[in-house]
Amino acid sequence: MSHSTALPALPSHREQTLGLWLGLIGVVVFALTLPMTRLATGTADAPQLSPWFVTWARAALAGGLSAIYLMATRSPLPAPVHRKPLALSLLGNAIGYPLLLGWALRHVTASHAAVITALLPLATAAAAAWLLHQRARLGFWLFAGLGSLLVAAYSVLRAHQLGHGFGLAWADLLLVGAVIAAALGYVAGAKVTPVLGAERVISWVCVMALPLTVPGALLTWPDQPINTSAWWALLYVGVFSMWAGFFAWFRGLALGGALRVSQLQLLQPFVSILAALPLLGESLDAMTLGFALAVVATVFMGRRMAAPPITHPKSNKETS
């Protein structure tokens, strides 16, 4: 009698490439989150929607779409073993990140927030190493650290250029908290994506959040006139930032590897800054372009230095 041990198939080279492209789409969608959130919340001097309302309403909107999707596809309920990662993704991506980001954007520009949240790739990679037990070569971590140092230096130089000094304001601490929350949520979602599928992961997260988000949105509904642009911005962050963008992002992390695909997030701050030009009237200068090119180089080198794909040895056949 002969038998062999079946091993799970690893993503092919084509699938890994697809994962990188899906990750890039997710990055672009999420990059627009910063200027759109600032449009929705307004500033401290000219407030629009409350950050609390934006947080609850965008997740409630995504939850409604998710419920329709899950019913239409007759998706089974998540198994008990999947509920903890889904709950962690809920806390990080549906509540923690948007709430902290919304309050911070009341006090800093989208461009300023973009360079602080550029630390997200390193935070995501660290979370992947912790939660998914992924490892990479030392060179990967060196380039990941270099990229993060570059965006941190950009943040400090830009703040000094604007006359804000070299210190981190309390809004920056909120942004750092948002980064940590998002990183944990991203990796927790990626952990169950191979089993549930990217679309079902974010959909179940949003549906599980409905008992919190619907009452929260109703209790914080604005009682003052709101600009139409703020409502459109809320619609974007609810449909795309909170829901559709994760379809591409979680799938990209699963296919391309969380450590590698997470490095694409180094591009996110510069996409946000470019998007803020027409949306918010913010400026673009040579220093921003220079740092953008340097960070893109670290993304490329980080990918080159990442651990090579692990190949399964051929199955040994035993005869008894």
Protein backbone atom coordinates (compact mmCIF):
# COMPACT_ATOMS: atom_id res chain seq x y z
CA MET A 1 0.00 0.00 0.00
CA SER A 2 1.39 3.41 -0.94
CA HIS A 3 0.43 6.78 0.44
CA SER A 4 1.71 10.33 0.25
CA THR A 5 1.43 13.43 2.38
CA ALA A 6 -0.63 16.20 0.79
CA LEU A 7 0.89 19.64 1.29
CA PRO A 8 -0.98 22.93 0.76
CA ALA A 9 -0.10 24.61 -2.50
CA LEU A 10 1.79 27.87 -2.23
CA PRO A 11 0.81 30.82 -4.44
CA SER A 12 2.42 30.58 -7.87
CA HIS A 13 4.66 33.33 -9.25
CA ARG A 14 1.70 34.61 -11.27
CA GLU A 15 -0.50 34.68 -8.18
CA GLN A 16 2.19 36.51 -6.21
CA THR A 17 2.43 39.12 -8.98
CA LEU A 18 -1.36 39.46 -8.96
CA GLY A 19 -1.15 39.91 -5.19
CA LEU A 20 1.21 42.85 -5.65
CA TRP A 21 -1.11 44.51 -8.17
CA LEU A 22 -4.13 44.00 -5.93
CA GLY A 23 -2.12 45.45 -3.07
CA LEU A 24 -1.33 48.50 -5.19
CA ILE A 25 -5.02 49.02 -5.99
CA GLY A 26 -5.76 48.83 -2.28
CA VAL A 27 -3.03 51.37 -1.55
CA VAL A 28 -4.51 53.87 -4.02
CA VAL A 29 -7.99 53.42 -2.58
CA PHE A 30 -6.71 53.85 0.96
CA ALA A 31 -4.50 56.81 -0.02
CA LEU A 32 -7.62 58.78 -0.92
CA THR A 33 -8.95 58.09 2.57
CA LEU A 34 -6.87 60.91 4.08
CA PRO A 35 -8.08 63.81 1.91
CA MET A 36 -11.60 62.39 1.84
CA THR A 37 -11.70 62.08 5.63
CA ARG A 38 -10.49 65.66 6.00
CA LEU A 39 -13.23 66.77 3.60
CA ALA A 40 -15.75 64.88 5.72
CA THR A 41 -14.59 66.12 9.14
CA GLY A 42 -13.51 69.61 8.16
CA THR A 43 -11.01 71.48 10.31
CA ALA A 44 -11.02 72.75 13.88
CA ASP A 45 -11.85 76.22 12.53
CA ALA A 46 -14.47 75.01 10.05
CA PRO A 47 -15.82 71.67 11.36
CA GLN A 48 -18.14 69.52 9.29
CA LEU A 49 -19.08 65.96 10.30
CA SER A 50 -17.94 64.78 13.72
CA PRO A 51 -15.09 62.22 13.64
CA TRP A 52 -17.29 60.01 15.80
CA PHE A 53 -20.10 60.18 13.24
CA VAL A 54 -17.72 59.57 10.33
CA THR A 55 -16.35 56.48 12.09
CA TRP A 56 -19.76 54.99 12.87
CA ALA A 57 -21.48 56.01 9.66
CA ARG A 58 -18.81 54.78 7.28
CA ALA A 59 -18.73 51.37 9.00
CA ALA A 60 -22.54 51.21 9.10
CA LEU A 61 -22.73 51.99 5.38
CA ALA A 62 -20.16 49.30 4.65
CA GLY A 63 -22.04 46.94 6.97
CA GLY A 64 -25.25 47.35 4.99
CA LEU A 65 -23.45 46.61 1.72
CA SER A 66 -21.72 43.66 3.37
CA ALA A 67 -24.99 42.15 4.59
CA ILE A 68 -26.40 42.32 1.06
CA TYR A 69 -23.25 40.72 -0.36
CA LEU A 70 -23.16 37.92 2.21
CA MET A 71 -26.83 37.08 1.69
CA ALA A 72 -26.50 37.22 -2.10
CA THR A 73 -23.55 34.81 -2.02
CA ARG A 74 -25.13 32.61 0.67
CA SER A 75 -21.99 32.85 2.75
CA PRO A 76 -21.86 30.55 5.78
CA LEU A 77 -21.27 31.96 9.24
CA PRO A 78 -17.61 32.19 10.29
CA ALA A 79 -16.36 29.29 12.38
CA PRO A 80 -15.62 30.03 16.05
CA VAL A 81 -11.87 29.84 15.36
CA HIS A 82 -12.19 32.71 12.88
CA ARG A 83 -14.05 35.09 15.17
CA LYS A 84 -11.05 36.30 17.15
CA PRO A 85 -9.11 37.50 14.04
CA LEU A 86 -12.31 39.08 12.69
CA ALA A 87 -12.89 40.87 16.00
CA LEU A 88 -9.30 42.17 15.98
CA SER A 89 -9.76 43.42 12.43
CA LEU A 90 -13.01 45.08 13.52
CA LEU A 91 -11.32 46.93 16.37
CA GLY A 92 -8.37 47.98 14.25
CA ASN A 93 -9.85 48.75 10.83
CA ALA A 94 -13.49 49.59 11.53
CA ILE A 95 -13.12 51.62 14.72
CA GLY A 96 -9.57 52.40 15.85
CA TYR A 97 -8.00 53.64 12.63
CA PRO A 98 -10.85 55.83 11.31
CA LEU A 99 -11.62 57.35 14.70
CA LEU A 100 -8.03 58.32 15.53
CA LEU A 101 -7.46 59.49 11.97
CA GLY A 102 -10.60 61.59 11.95
CA TRP A 103 -9.69 63.46 15.13
CA ALA A 104 -6.13 64.03 13.95
CA LEU A 105 -7.26 65.40 10.58
CA ARG A 106 -9.27 68.06 12.35
CA HIS A 107 -5.91 69.60 13.32
CA VAL A 108 -3.36 68.64 10.63
CA THR A 109 -3.43 68.62 6.84
CA ALA A 110 -3.86 65.46 4.79
CA SER A 111 -0.27 65.83 3.57
CA HIS A 112 1.03 66.01 7.14
CA ALA A 113 -1.03 62.97 8.11
CA ALA A 114 0.23 61.13 5.04
CA VAL A 115 3.86 61.25 6.08
CA ILE A 116 3.11 60.09 9.64
CA THR A 117 0.91 57.20 8.50
CA ALA A 118 3.69 56.21 6.10
CA LEU A 119 5.06 54.26 9.06
CA LEU A 120 2.25 51.75 8.40
CA PRO A 121 4.33 49.36 6.22
CA LEU A 122 6.86 48.75 8.98
CA ALA A 123 4.09 48.37 11.54
CA THR A 124 2.26 45.92 9.27
CA ALA A 125 5.43 43.91 8.66
CA ALA A 126 6.09 43.74 12.40
CA ALA A 127 2.50 42.63 13.00
CA ALA A 128 2.85 39.99 10.28
CA ALA A 129 6.02 38.66 11.89
CA TRP A 130 4.22 38.50 15.24
CA LEU A 131 0.79 37.17 14.26
CA LEU A 132 1.60 35.15 11.12
CA HIS A 133 5.09 34.05 12.18
CA GLN A 134 6.56 35.32 8.91
CA ARG A 135 10.26 35.99 8.67
CA ALA A 136 12.46 37.86 6.22
CA ARG A 137 16.14 38.46 5.63
CA LEU A 138 17.97 41.13 7.55
CA GLY A 139 18.22 43.16 4.34
CA PHE A 140 14.44 43.40 4.14
CA TRP A 141 14.22 44.88 7.62
CA LEU A 142 17.07 47.28 6.88
CA PHE A 143 15.29 48.66 3.81
CA ALA A 144 11.96 48.70 5.63
CA GLY A 145 13.61 50.67 8.41
CA LEU A 146 15.30 52.97 5.91
CA GLY A 147 12.00 53.70 4.22
CA SER A 148 10.38 54.49 7.54
CA LEU A 149 13.31 56.75 8.49
CA LEU A 150 12.93 58.57 5.18
CA VAL A 151 9.25 59.32 5.72
CA ALA A 152 9.92 60.26 9.34
CA ALA A 153 12.64 62.67 8.20
CA TYR A 154 10.25 64.07 5.61
CA SER A 155 7.65 64.61 8.32
CA VAL A 156 10.09 66.48 10.56
CA LEU A 157 11.52 68.62 7.73
CA ARG A 158 8.07 69.48 6.42
CA ALA A 159 6.85 70.44 9.89
CA HIS A 160 9.89 72.68 10.35
CA GLN A 161 9.35 74.16 6.90
CA LEU A 162 5.81 75.11 7.90
CA GLY A 163 7.05 76.70 11.12
CA HIS A 164 5.69 74.02 13.45
CA GLY A 165 9.07 73.14 14.97
CA PHE A 166 10.56 69.67 15.27
CA GLY A 167 8.34 68.14 17.97
CA LEU A 168 5.42 65.77 17.55
CA ALA A 169 2.04 67.31 18.34
CA TRP A 170 -0.71 65.39 20.09
CA ALA A 171 -2.35 64.92 16.67
CA ASP A 172 0.77 63.04 15.57
CA LEU A 173 0.35 60.70 18.53
CA LEU A 174 -3.21 60.04 17.40
CA LEU A 175 -1.84 59.21 13.95
CA VAL A 176 0.71 56.79 15.42
CA GLY A 177 -2.14 55.09 17.29
CA ALA A 178 -4.07 54.88 14.02
CA VAL A 179 -1.08 53.22 12.37
CA ILE A 180 -0.85 50.57 15.08
CA ALA A 181 -4.59 49.89 14.94
CA ALA A 182 -4.58 49.55 11.14
CA ALA A 183 -1.54 47.26 11.08
CA LEU A 184 -3.06 44.83 13.57
CA GLY A 185 -6.35 44.88 11.69
CA TYR A 186 -4.71 44.29 8.31
CA VAL A 187 -2.74 41.27 9.42
CA ALA A 188 -5.60 39.79 11.42
CA GLY A 189 -7.78 40.00 8.33
CA ALA A 190 -5.08 38.47 6.15
CA LYS A 191 -4.78 35.57 8.59
CA VAL A 192 -8.30 34.31 7.79
CA THR A 193 -8.44 35.42 4.15
CA PRO A 194 -7.18 32.08 2.73
CA VAL A 195 -10.11 30.31 4.40
CA LEU A 196 -12.94 32.86 4.20
CA GLY A 197 -11.92 34.85 1.15
CA ALA A 198 -11.03 38.55 1.06
CA GLU A 199 -14.55 39.71 0.29
CA ARG A 200 -16.09 37.74 3.15
CA VAL A 201 -13.45 38.85 5.65
CA ILE A 202 -14.17 42.57 5.41
CA SER A 203 -17.89 41.90 4.94
CA TRP A 204 -18.12 39.87 8.15
CA VAL A 205 -16.07 42.50 9.96
CA CYS A 206 -18.53 45.22 8.93
CA VAL A 207 -21.59 43.09 9.70
CA MET A 208 -20.22 42.14 13.13
CA ALA A 209 -19.75 45.85 13.81
CA LEU A 210 -23.36 46.81 12.98
CA PRO A 211 -24.65 46.52 16.59
CA LEU A 212 -22.15 49.26 17.46
CA THR A 213 -22.04 51.35 14.30
CA VAL A 214 -25.76 51.82 13.60
CA PRO A 215 -26.63 53.13 17.10
CA GLY A 216 -23.39 55.13 17.10
CA ALA A 217 -24.26 56.81 13.80
CA LEU A 218 -27.79 57.64 14.97
CA LEU A 219 -26.59 59.07 18.28
CA THR A 220 -23.94 61.27 16.62
CA TRP A 221 -26.01 62.38 13.61
CA PRO A 222 -25.14 66.02 12.82
CA ASP A 223 -27.56 68.69 13.97
CA GLN A 224 -26.02 71.53 11.95
CA PRO A 225 -25.85 72.21 8.17
CA ILE A 226 -23.15 70.15 6.44
CA ASN A 227 -21.47 70.85 3.10
CA THR A 228 -22.43 68.52 0.26
CA SER A 229 -18.74 67.75 -0.32
CA ALA A 230 -18.52 66.35 3.23
CA TRP A 231 -21.39 63.94 2.56
CA TRP A 232 -19.78 62.79 -0.71
CA ALA A 233 -16.50 62.25 1.13
CA LEU A 234 -18.31 60.19 3.75
CA LEU A 235 -19.85 58.10 0.97
CA TYR A 236 -16.37 57.41 -0.44
CA VAL A 237 -14.83 56.33 2.86
CA GLY A 238 -17.87 54.16 3.59
CA VAL A 239 -18.05 52.36 0.24
CA PHE A 240 -14.40 52.25 -0.84
CA SER A 241 -12.12 52.88 2.15
CA MET A 242 -14.14 50.73 4.55
CA TRP A 243 -15.33 48.01 2.19
CA ALA A 244 -14.35 47.64 -1.48
CA GLY A 245 -10.70 48.59 -0.95
CA PHE A 246 -10.24 45.68 1.44
CA PHE A 247 -11.38 43.25 -1.26
CA ALA A 248 -8.17 44.01 -3.11
CA TRP A 249 -5.99 44.61 -0.03
CA PHE A 250 -6.66 41.41 1.93
CA ARG A 251 -6.42 39.33 -1.25
CA GLY A 252 -3.14 41.01 -2.12
CA LEU A 253 -1.69 40.33 1.34
CA ALA A 254 -2.71 36.67 1.11
CA LEU A 255 -1.36 36.04 -2.40
CA GLY A 256 1.72 38.23 -2.41
CA GLY A 257 2.71 37.77 1.25
CA ALA A 258 1.97 40.26 3.99
CA LEU A 259 5.63 41.19 4.45
CA ARG A 260 6.18 42.01 0.78
CA VAL A 261 2.86 43.57 -0.14
CA SER A 262 2.92 45.73 2.99
CA GLN A 263 5.95 47.55 1.54
CA LEU A 264 3.71 49.03 -1.17
CA GLN A 265 2.20 51.16 1.56
CA LEU A 266 5.35 53.27 1.43
CA LEU A 267 3.83 54.73 -1.75
CA GLN A 268 0.58 55.61 0.01
CA PRO A 269 1.58 58.96 1.57
CA PHE A 270 2.67 60.36 -1.75
CA VAL A 271 -0.52 59.26 -3.50
CA SER A 272 -2.40 60.98 -0.67
CA ILE A 273 -0.38 64.17 -1.13
CA LEU A 274 -1.00 64.18 -4.88
CA ALA A 275 -4.72 63.57 -4.34
CA ALA A 276 -4.85 66.43 -1.83
CA LEU A 277 -3.84 68.88 -4.57
CA PRO A 278 -7.21 68.96 -6.38
CA LEU A 279 -9.36 67.87 -3.44
CA LEU A 280 -8.05 70.19 -0.73
CA GLY A 281 -5.84 72.68 -2.53
CA GLU A 282 -2.72 71.56 -0.68
CA SER A 283 0.70 72.17 -2.22
CA LEU A 284 3.35 69.94 -3.78
CA ASP A 285 7.04 70.82 -3.67
CA ALA A 286 10.41 69.47 -4.85
CA MET A 287 11.21 68.04 -1.42
CA THR A 288 8.10 65.87 -1.54
CA LEU A 289 9.01 64.54 -4.99
CA GLY A 290 12.58 63.81 -3.88
CA PHE A 291 11.46 61.85 -0.84
CA ALA A 292 8.90 60.03 -2.98
CA LEU A 293 11.62 58.76 -5.34
CA ALA A 294 13.80 57.68 -2.40
CA VAL A 295 10.96 55.79 -0.75
CA VAL A 296 10.03 54.05 -4.02
CA ALA A 297 13.65 52.84 -4.18
CA THR A 298 13.35 51.30 -0.72
CA VAL A 299 10.13 49.53 -1.77
CA PHE A 300 11.93 48.00 -4.76
CA MET A 301 14.99 46.96 -2.79
CA GLY A 302 12.90 45.68 0.10
CA ARG A 303 11.06 43.37 -2.27
CA ARG A 304 14.37 42.15 -3.70
CA MET A 305 15.72 41.43 -0.24
CA ALA A 306 12.58 39.72 1.07
CA ALA A 307 12.84 36.03 1.87
CA PRO A 308 12.49 33.88 -1.27
CA PRO A 309 9.35 31.77 -1.65
CA ILE A 310 9.57 28.50 0.23
CA THR A 311 9.12 25.47 -1.99
CA HIS A 312 7.73 22.21 -0.74
CA PRO A 313 9.93 19.16 -1.14
CA LYS A 314 8.56 16.41 -3.29
CA SER A 315 6.32 13.99 -1.45
CA ASN A 316 8.02 10.76 -0.42
CA LYS A 317 6.13 7.61 -1.27
CA GLU A 318 6.34 4.75 1.15
CA THR A 319 5.40 1.19 0.38
CA SER A 320 4.24 -1.16 3.09
